PDB file of N, CA and C in Angstrom:
ATOM      1  N   UNK A   1     -55.122 -27.629 -57.907  1.00  0.00           N
ATOM      2  CA  UNK A   1     -53.939 -27.886 -57.095  1.00  0.00           C
ATOM      3  C   UNK A   1     -52.722 -28.022 -58.013  1.00  0.00           C
ATOM      4  N   UNK A   2     -51.641 -27.375 -57.617  1.00  0.00           N
ATOM      5  CA  UNK A   2     -50.408 -27.467 -58.406  1.00  0.00           C
ATOM      6  C   UNK A   2     -49.858 -28.888 -58.362  1.00  0.00           C
ATOM      7  N   UNK A   3     -49.078 -29.227 -59.368  1.00  0.00           N
ATOM      8  CA  UNK A   3     -48.484 -30.568 -59.426  1.00  0.00           C
ATOM      9  C   UNK A   3     -47.071 -30.470 -59.996  1.00  0.00           C
ATOM     10  N   UNK A   4     -46.238 -31.429 -59.623  1.00  0.00           N
ATOM     11  CA  UNK A   4     -44.868 -31.473 -60.141  1.00  0.00           C
ATOM     12  C   UNK A   4     -44.929 -31.533 -61.666  1.00  0.00           C
ATOM     13  N   UNK A   5     -44.069 -30.753 -62.305  1.00  0.00           N
ATOM     14  CA  UNK A   5     -44.099 -30.629 -63.758  1.00  0.00           C
ATOM     15  C   UNK A   5     -42.678 -30.493 -64.288  1.00  0.00           C
ATOM     16  N   UNK A   6     -42.435 -31.001 -65.457  1.00  0.00           N
ATOM     17  CA  UNK A   6     -41.111 -30.883 -66.076  1.00  0.00           C
ATOM     18  C   UNK A   6     -40.838 -29.423 -66.458  1.00  0.00           C
ATOM     19  N   UNK A   7     -39.568 -29.052 -66.375  1.00  0.00           N
ATOM     20  CA  UNK A   7     -39.130 -27.690 -66.646  1.00  0.00           C
ATOM     21  C   UNK A   7     -39.649 -27.171 -67.991  1.00  0.00           C
ATOM     22  N   UNK A   8     -39.419 -27.931 -69.044  1.00  0.00           N
ATOM     23  CA  UNK A   8     -39.827 -27.509 -70.387  1.00  0.00           C
ATOM     24  C   UNK A   8     -41.328 -27.322 -70.519  1.00  0.00           C
ATOM     25  N   UNK A   9     -42.086 -28.220 -69.905  1.00  0.00           N
ATOM     26  CA  UNK A   9     -43.549 -28.130 -69.972  1.00  0.00           C
ATOM     27  C   UNK A   9     -44.041 -26.907 -69.204  1.00  0.00           C
ATOM     28  N   UNK A  10     -43.452 -26.637 -68.043  1.00  0.00           N
ATOM     29  CA  UNK A  10     -43.882 -25.475 -67.261  1.00  0.00           C
ATOM     30  C   UNK A  10     -43.540 -24.179 -67.991  1.00  0.00           C
ATOM     31  N   UNK A  11     -42.392 -24.138 -68.637  1.00  0.00           N
ATOM     32  CA  UNK A  11     -42.028 -22.943 -69.400  1.00  0.00           C
ATOM     33  C   UNK A  11     -43.033 -22.725 -70.536  1.00  0.00           C
ATOM     34  N   UNK A  12     -43.467 -23.802 -71.157  1.00  0.00           N
ATOM     35  CA  UNK A  12     -44.461 -23.702 -72.224  1.00  0.00           C
ATOM     36  C   UNK A  12     -45.806 -23.232 -71.666  1.00  0.00           C
ATOM     37  N   UNK A  13     -46.212 -23.777 -70.517  1.00  0.00           N
ATOM     38  CA  UNK A  13     -47.476 -23.372 -69.887  1.00  0.00           C
ATOM     39  C   UNK A  13     -47.468 -21.893 -69.525  1.00  0.00           C
ATOM     40  N   UNK A  14     -46.369 -21.427 -68.967  1.00  0.00           N
ATOM     41  CA  UNK A  14     -46.294 -20.025 -68.555  1.00  0.00           C
ATOM     42  C   UNK A  14     -46.132 -19.100 -69.754  1.00  0.00           C
ATOM     43  N   UNK A  15     -45.618 -19.639 -70.859  1.00  0.00           N
ATOM     44  CA  UNK A  15     -45.409 -18.841 -72.065  1.00  0.00           C
ATOM     45  C   UNK A  15     -46.687 -18.211 -72.594  1.00  0.00           C
ATOM     46  N   UNK A  16     -47.817 -18.881 -72.389  1.00  0.00           N
ATOM     47  CA  UNK A  16     -49.076 -18.314 -72.879  1.00  0.00           C
ATOM     48  C   UNK A  16     -49.518 -17.093 -72.066  1.00  0.00           C
ATOM     49  N   UNK A  17     -48.786 -16.802 -70.991  1.00  0.00           N
ATOM     50  CA  UNK A  17     -49.051 -15.611 -70.169  1.00  0.00           C
ATOM     51  C   UNK A  17     -47.916 -14.593 -70.281  1.00  0.00           C
ATOM     52  N   UNK A  18     -47.107 -14.727 -71.305  1.00  0.00           N
ATOM     53  CA  UNK A  18     -46.052 -13.751 -71.538  1.00  0.00           C
ATOM     54  C   UNK A  18     -44.754 -14.002 -70.799  1.00  0.00           C
ATOM     55  N   UNK A  19     -44.548 -15.227 -70.311  1.00  0.00           N
ATOM     56  CA  UNK A  19     -43.323 -15.568 -69.585  1.00  0.00           C
ATOM     57  C   UNK A  19     -42.288 -16.095 -70.574  1.00  0.00           C
ATOM     58  N   UNK A  20     -41.059 -15.660 -70.407  1.00  0.00           N
ATOM     59  CA  UNK A  20     -39.962 -16.167 -71.232  1.00  0.00           C
ATOM     60  C   UNK A  20     -38.713 -16.333 -70.371  1.00  0.00           C
ATOM     61  N   UNK A  21     -37.804 -17.147 -70.852  1.00  0.00           N
ATOM     62  CA  UNK A  21     -36.559 -17.446 -70.153  1.00  0.00           C
ATOM     63  C   UNK A  21     -35.455 -16.552 -70.721  1.00  0.00           C
ATOM     64  N   UNK A  22     -34.762 -15.837 -69.831  1.00  0.00           N
ATOM     65  CA  UNK A  22     -33.645 -14.996 -70.257  1.00  0.00           C
ATOM     66  C   UNK A  22     -32.354 -15.760 -69.952  1.00  0.00           C
ATOM     67  N   UNK A  23     -31.861 -16.501 -70.933  1.00  0.00           N
ATOM     68  CA  UNK A  23     -30.682 -17.346 -70.730  1.00  0.00           C
ATOM     69  C   UNK A  23     -29.425 -16.523 -70.481  1.00  0.00           C
ATOM     70  N   UNK A  24     -29.402 -15.290 -70.945  1.00  0.00           N
ATOM     71  CA  UNK A  24     -28.230 -14.434 -70.737  1.00  0.00           C
ATOM     72  C   UNK A  24     -28.043 -14.080 -69.267  1.00  0.00           C
ATOM     73  N   UNK A  25     -29.128 -14.103 -68.516  1.00  0.00           N
ATOM     74  CA  UNK A  25     -29.054 -13.740 -67.113  1.00  0.00           C
ATOM     75  C   UNK A  25     -29.065 -14.973 -66.206  1.00  0.00           C
ATOM     76  N   UNK A  26     -28.656 -16.108 -66.758  1.00  0.00           N
ATOM     77  CA  UNK A  26     -28.593 -17.353 -65.992  1.00  0.00           C
ATOM     78  C   UNK A  26     -27.323 -17.394 -65.161  1.00  0.00           C
ATOM     79  N   UNK A  27     -27.394 -18.114 -64.059  1.00  0.00           N
ATOM     80  CA  UNK A  27     -26.214 -18.288 -63.218  1.00  0.00           C
ATOM     81  C   UNK A  27     -26.200 -19.726 -62.718  1.00  0.00           C
ATOM     82  N   UNK A  28     -25.230 -20.495 -63.167  1.00  0.00           N
ATOM     83  CA  UNK A  28     -25.148 -21.895 -62.749  1.00  0.00           C
ATOM     84  C   UNK A  28     -26.364 -22.670 -63.220  1.00  0.00           C
ATOM     85  N   UNK A  29     -27.039 -23.305 -62.286  1.00  0.00           N
ATOM     86  CA  UNK A  29     -28.200 -24.122 -62.641  1.00  0.00           C
ATOM     87  C   UNK A  29     -29.506 -23.335 -62.556  1.00  0.00           C
ATOM     88  N   UNK A  30     -29.444 -22.015 -62.448  1.00  0.00           N
ATOM     89  CA  UNK A  30     -30.658 -21.205 -62.390  1.00  0.00           C
ATOM     90  C   UNK A  30     -30.832 -20.391 -63.665  1.00  0.00           C
ATOM     91  N   UNK A  31     -32.068 -20.294 -64.093  1.00  0.00           N
ATOM     92  CA  UNK A  31     -32.429 -19.464 -65.240  1.00  0.00           C
ATOM     93  C   UNK A  31     -33.401 -18.405 -64.742  1.00  0.00           C
ATOM     94  N   UNK A  32     -33.383 -17.252 -65.354  1.00  0.00           N
ATOM     95  CA  UNK A  32     -34.293 -16.188 -64.963  1.00  0.00           C
ATOM     96  C   UNK A  32     -35.506 -16.194 -65.883  1.00  0.00           C
ATOM     97  N   UNK A  33     -36.687 -16.324 -65.281  1.00  0.00           N
ATOM     98  CA  UNK A  33     -37.936 -16.244 -66.024  1.00  0.00           C
ATOM     99  C   UNK A  33     -38.505 -14.858 -65.813  1.00  0.00           C
ATOM    100  N   UNK A  34     -38.970 -14.261 -66.881  1.00  0.00           N
ATOM    101  CA  UNK A  34     -39.512 -12.914 -66.828  1.00  0.00           C
ATOM    102  C   UNK A  34     -40.917 -12.924 -67.417  1.00  0.00           C
ATOM    103  N   UNK A  35     -41.818 -12.211 -66.755  1.00  0.00           N
ATOM    104  CA  UNK A  35     -43.179 -12.050 -67.284  1.00  0.00           C
ATOM    105  C   UNK A  35     -43.444 -10.572 -67.500  1.00  0.00           C
ATOM    106  N   UNK A  36     -43.813 -10.249 -68.706  1.00  0.00           N
ATOM    107  CA  UNK A  36     -44.211  -8.888 -69.008  1.00  0.00           C
ATOM    108  C   UNK A  36     -45.705  -8.780 -68.736  1.00  0.00           C
ATOM    109  N   UNK A  37     -46.077  -7.886 -67.836  1.00  0.00           N
ATOM    110  CA  UNK A  37     -47.462  -7.731 -67.408  1.00  0.00           C
ATOM    111  C   UNK A  37     -48.231  -6.831 -68.369  1.00  0.00           C
ATOM    112  N   UNK A  38     -49.553  -7.014 -68.411  1.00  0.00           N
ATOM    113  CA  UNK A  38     -50.378  -6.190 -69.303  1.00  0.00           C
ATOM    114  C   UNK A  38     -50.245  -4.682 -69.044  1.00  0.00           C
ATOM    115  N   UNK A  39     -49.944  -4.287 -67.805  1.00  0.00           N
ATOM    116  CA  UNK A  39     -49.830  -2.857 -67.479  1.00  0.00           C
ATOM    117  C   UNK A  39     -48.452  -2.278 -67.826  1.00  0.00           C
ATOM    118  N   UNK A  40     -47.589  -3.101 -68.441  1.00  0.00           N
ATOM    119  CA  UNK A  40     -46.267  -2.633 -68.849  1.00  0.00           C
ATOM    120  C   UNK A  40     -45.158  -2.970 -67.871  1.00  0.00           C
ATOM    121  N   UNK A  41     -45.511  -3.458 -66.686  1.00  0.00           N
ATOM    122  CA  UNK A  41     -44.506  -3.843 -65.699  1.00  0.00           C
ATOM    123  C   UNK A  41     -43.910  -5.205 -66.000  1.00  0.00           C
ATOM    124  N   UNK A  42     -42.910  -5.577 -65.211  1.00  0.00           N
ATOM    125  CA  UNK A  42     -42.273  -6.889 -65.365  1.00  0.00           C
ATOM    126  C   UNK A  42     -42.120  -7.534 -64.001  1.00  0.00           C
ATOM    127  N   UNK A  43     -42.183  -8.856 -63.981  1.00  0.00           N
ATOM    128  CA  UNK A  43     -41.924  -9.656 -62.795  1.00  0.00           C
ATOM    129  C   UNK A  43     -40.912 -10.713 -63.198  1.00  0.00           C
ATOM    130  N   UNK A  44     -40.030 -11.091 -62.271  1.00  0.00           N
ATOM    131  CA  UNK A  44     -39.049 -12.128 -62.600  1.00  0.00           C
ATOM    132  C   UNK A  44     -38.848 -13.062 -61.416  1.00  0.00           C
ATOM    133  N   UNK A  45     -38.358 -14.251 -61.736  1.00  0.00           N
ATOM    134  CA  UNK A  45     -38.090 -15.254 -60.709  1.00  0.00           C
ATOM    135  C   UNK A  45     -36.993 -16.185 -61.226  1.00  0.00           C
ATOM    136  N   UNK A  46     -36.001 -16.526 -60.380  1.00  0.00           N
ATOM    137  CA  UNK A  46     -35.005 -17.516 -60.794  1.00  0.00           C
ATOM    138  C   UNK A  46     -35.595 -18.926 -60.656  1.00  0.00           C
ATOM    139  N   UNK A  47     -35.336 -19.776 -61.657  1.00  0.00           N
ATOM    140  CA  UNK A  47     -35.885 -21.130 -61.664  1.00  0.00           C
ATOM    141  C   UNK A  47     -34.748 -22.118 -61.888  1.00  0.00           C
ATOM    142  N   UNK A  48     -34.696 -23.154 -61.056  1.00  0.00           N
ATOM    143  CA  UNK A  48     -33.675 -24.187 -61.177  1.00  0.00           C
ATOM    144  C   UNK A  48     -33.861 -24.955 -62.474  1.00  0.00           C
ATOM    145  N   UNK A  49     -32.758 -25.171 -63.203  1.00  0.00           N
ATOM    146  CA  UNK A  49     -32.828 -25.894 -64.472  1.00  0.00           C
ATOM    147  C   UNK A  49     -31.653 -26.855 -64.591  1.00  0.00           C
ATOM    148  N   UNK A  50     -31.967 -28.123 -64.754  1.00  0.00           N
ATOM    149  CA  UNK A  50     -30.956 -29.140 -65.037  1.00  0.00           C
ATOM    150  C   UNK A  50     -31.351 -29.862 -66.323  1.00  0.00           C
ATOM    151  N   UNK A  51     -31.924 -29.106 -67.251  1.00  0.00           N
ATOM    152  CA  UNK A  51     -32.387 -29.661 -68.523  1.00  0.00           C
ATOM    153  C   UNK A  51     -33.893 -29.564 -68.622  1.00  0.00           C
ATOM    154  N   UNK A  52     -34.415 -29.653 -69.841  1.00  0.00           N
ATOM    155  CA  UNK A  52     -35.859 -29.472 -70.046  1.00  0.00           C
ATOM    156  C   UNK A  52     -36.692 -30.590 -69.423  1.00  0.00           C
ATOM    157  N   UNK A  53     -36.077 -31.748 -69.164  1.00  0.00           N
ATOM    158  CA  UNK A  53     -36.791 -32.849 -68.535  1.00  0.00           C
ATOM    159  C   UNK A  53     -36.758 -32.837 -67.019  1.00  0.00           C
ATOM    160  N   UNK A  54     -36.046 -31.874 -66.446  1.00  0.00           N
ATOM    161  CA  UNK A  54     -35.917 -31.772 -64.988  1.00  0.00           C
ATOM    162  C   UNK A  54     -37.287 -31.498 -64.368  1.00  0.00           C
ATOM    163  N   UNK A  55     -37.655 -32.259 -63.340  1.00  0.00           N
ATOM    164  CA  UNK A  55     -38.960 -32.114 -62.701  1.00  0.00           C
ATOM    165  C   UNK A  55     -38.878 -31.079 -61.577  1.00  0.00           C
ATOM    166  N   UNK A  56     -39.738 -30.075 -61.683  1.00  0.00           N
ATOM    167  CA  UNK A  56     -39.836 -29.036 -60.656  1.00  0.00           C
ATOM    168  C   UNK A  56     -40.899 -29.450 -59.650  1.00  0.00           C
ATOM    169  N   UNK A  57     -40.588 -29.312 -58.375  1.00  0.00           N
ATOM    170  CA  UNK A  57     -41.513 -29.701 -57.316  1.00  0.00           C
ATOM    171  C   UNK A  57     -42.661 -28.713 -57.137  1.00  0.00           C
ATOM    172  N   UNK A  58     -43.669 -29.157 -56.409  1.00  0.00           N
ATOM    173  CA  UNK A  58     -44.880 -28.372 -56.185  1.00  0.00           C
ATOM    174  C   UNK A  58     -44.574 -27.042 -55.491  1.00  0.00           C
ATOM    175  N   UNK A  59     -43.705 -27.061 -54.493  1.00  0.00           N
ATOM    176  CA  UNK A  59     -43.371 -25.835 -53.765  1.00  0.00           C
ATOM    177  C   UNK A  59     -42.763 -24.776 -54.666  1.00  0.00           C
ATOM    178  N   UNK A  60     -41.854 -25.179 -55.537  1.00  0.00           N
ATOM    179  CA  UNK A  60     -41.228 -24.237 -56.458  1.00  0.00           C
ATOM    180  C   UNK A  60     -42.243 -23.717 -57.471  1.00  0.00           C
ATOM    181  N   UNK A  61     -43.107 -24.585 -57.938  1.00  0.00           N
ATOM    182  CA  UNK A  61     -44.129 -24.155 -58.898  1.00  0.00           C
ATOM    183  C   UNK A  61     -45.076 -23.145 -58.259  1.00  0.00           C
ATOM    184  N   UNK A  62     -45.478 -23.377 -57.016  1.00  0.00           N
ATOM    185  CA  UNK A  62     -46.321 -22.401 -56.306  1.00  0.00           C
ATOM    186  C   UNK A  62     -45.622 -21.051 -56.204  1.00  0.00           C
ATOM    187  N   UNK A  63     -44.326 -21.073 -55.862  1.00  0.00           N
ATOM    188  CA  UNK A  63     -43.560 -19.830 -55.726  1.00  0.00           C
ATOM    189  C   UNK A  63     -43.461 -19.107 -57.072  1.00  0.00           C
ATOM    190  N   UNK A  64     -43.227 -19.851 -58.140  1.00  0.00           N
ATOM    191  CA  UNK A  64     -43.138 -19.260 -59.475  1.00  0.00           C
ATOM    192  C   UNK A  64     -44.462 -18.595 -59.835  1.00  0.00           C
ATOM    193  N   UNK A  65     -45.553 -19.304 -59.622  1.00  0.00           N
ATOM    194  CA  UNK A  65     -46.871 -18.760 -59.976  1.00  0.00           C
ATOM    195  C   UNK A  65     -47.202 -17.524 -59.148  1.00  0.00           C
ATOM    196  N   UNK A  66     -46.861 -17.547 -57.865  1.00  0.00           N
ATOM    197  CA  UNK A  66     -47.110 -16.366 -57.015  1.00  0.00           C
ATOM    198  C   UNK A  66     -46.297 -15.174 -57.490  1.00  0.00           C
ATOM    199  N   UNK A  67     -45.002 -15.395 -57.675  1.00  0.00           N
ATOM    200  CA  UNK A  67     -44.097 -14.302 -58.037  1.00  0.00           C
ATOM    201  C   UNK A  67     -44.439 -13.703 -59.407  1.00  0.00           C
ATOM    202  N   UNK A  68     -44.860 -14.556 -60.342  1.00  0.00           N
ATOM    203  CA  UNK A  68     -45.184 -14.082 -61.684  1.00  0.00           C
ATOM    204  C   UNK A  68     -46.659 -13.709 -61.843  1.00  0.00           C
ATOM    205  N   UNK A  69     -47.384 -13.715 -60.728  1.00  0.00           N
ATOM    206  CA  UNK A  69     -48.802 -13.328 -60.711  1.00  0.00           C
ATOM    207  C   UNK A  69     -49.641 -14.207 -61.644  1.00  0.00           C
ATOM    208  N   UNK A  70     -49.514 -15.518 -61.467  1.00  0.00           N
ATOM    209  CA  UNK A  70     -50.228 -16.498 -62.286  1.00  0.00           C
ATOM    210  C   UNK A  70     -51.135 -17.380 -61.435  1.00  0.00           C
ATOM    211  N   UNK A  71     -51.696 -16.834 -60.364  1.00  0.00           N
ATOM    212  CA  UNK A  71     -52.532 -17.607 -59.445  1.00  0.00           C
ATOM    213  C   UNK A  71     -53.999 -17.203 -59.579  1.00  0.00           C
ATOM    214  N   UNK A  72     -54.865 -17.935 -58.892  1.00  0.00           N
ATOM    215  CA  UNK A  72     -56.295 -17.603 -58.917  1.00  0.00           C
ATOM    216  C   UNK A  72     -56.532 -16.219 -58.318  1.00  0.00           C
ATOM    217  N   UNK A  73     -55.670 -15.800 -57.421  1.00  0.00           N
ATOM    218  CA  UNK A  73     -55.722 -14.454 -56.849  1.00  0.00           C
ATOM    219  C   UNK A  73     -55.627 -13.389 -57.945  1.00  0.00           C
ATOM    220  N   UNK A  74     -54.944 -13.748 -59.023  1.00  0.00           N
ATOM    221  CA  UNK A  74     -54.739 -12.838 -60.145  1.00  0.00           C
ATOM    222  C   UNK A  74     -55.614 -13.207 -61.341  1.00  0.00           C
ATOM    223  N   UNK A  75     -56.619 -14.047 -61.108  1.00  0.00           N
ATOM    224  CA  UNK A  75     -57.582 -14.392 -62.148  1.00  0.00           C
ATOM    225  C   UNK A  75     -57.225 -15.577 -63.021  1.00  0.00           C
ATOM    226  N   UNK A  76     -56.212 -16.372 -62.609  1.00  0.00           N
ATOM    227  CA  UNK A  76     -55.812 -17.545 -63.398  1.00  0.00           C
ATOM    228  C   UNK A  76     -55.975 -18.795 -62.537  1.00  0.00           C
ATOM    229  N   UNK A  77     -57.028 -19.547 -62.789  1.00  0.00           N
ATOM    230  CA  UNK A  77     -57.303 -20.748 -61.999  1.00  0.00           C
ATOM    231  C   UNK A  77     -56.318 -21.861 -62.347  1.00  0.00           C
ATOM    232  N   UNK A  78     -56.243 -22.862 -61.466  1.00  0.00           N
ATOM    233  CA  UNK A  78     -55.385 -24.025 -61.740  1.00  0.00           C
ATOM    234  C   UNK A  78     -55.814 -24.713 -63.028  1.00  0.00           C
ATOM    235  N   UNK A  79     -57.144 -24.836 -63.233  1.00  0.00           N
ATOM    236  CA  UNK A  79     -57.643 -25.508 -64.426  1.00  0.00           C
ATOM    237  C   UNK A  79     -57.226 -24.759 -65.686  1.00  0.00           C
ATOM    238  N   UNK A  80     -57.337 -23.430 -65.652  1.00  0.00           N
ATOM    239  CA  UNK A  80     -56.941 -22.635 -66.810  1.00  0.00           C
ATOM    240  C   UNK A  80     -55.429 -22.732 -67.027  1.00  0.00           C
ATOM    241  N   UNK A  81     -54.663 -22.663 -65.952  1.00  0.00           N
ATOM    242  CA  UNK A  81     -53.209 -22.683 -66.047  1.00  0.00           C
ATOM    243  C   UNK A  81     -52.710 -23.994 -66.637  1.00  0.00           C
ATOM    244  N   UNK A  82     -53.246 -25.119 -66.168  1.00  0.00           N
ATOM    245  CA  UNK A  82     -52.754 -26.428 -66.614  1.00  0.00           C
ATOM    246  C   UNK A  82     -53.412 -26.958 -67.874  1.00  0.00           C
ATOM    247  N   UNK A  83     -54.450 -26.266 -68.384  1.00  0.00           N
ATOM    248  CA  UNK A  83     -55.088 -26.742 -69.609  1.00  0.00           C
ATOM    249  C   UNK A  83     -54.174 -26.460 -70.795  1.00  0.00           C
ATOM    250  N   UNK A  84     -54.279 -27.278 -71.820  1.00  0.00           N
ATOM    251  CA  UNK A  84     -53.398 -27.114 -72.989  1.00  0.00           C
ATOM    252  C   UNK A  84     -54.015 -26.236 -73.962  1.00  0.00           C
TER     253      UNK A  84
END
C-alpha cells in the first residue's frame, strides 16, 4: 500500500527506476519528473514541490506511480518500490 512520503525521498526511490527531475521545465510549484523506459520511450508527470521536505499525499503518489509505470501492474510491487 502506498504511503505519504517526502518529496526528496520519493524522488530518490523513483530514481532507481530511471526517474529524474527536469528543473528547467518547472512551472511555479510544479516540477516535471521524467522516466526513461527500457524500450527507449519516456513518461512524464508534473509533481508538486514546496521543498525536499514537502510531504506528498497517497493520492498523488499513486498517480505518479501509475503515470510513470511503477506499479505492480508493471512488475514493481509496493515492497520492492519502498525498499531501500
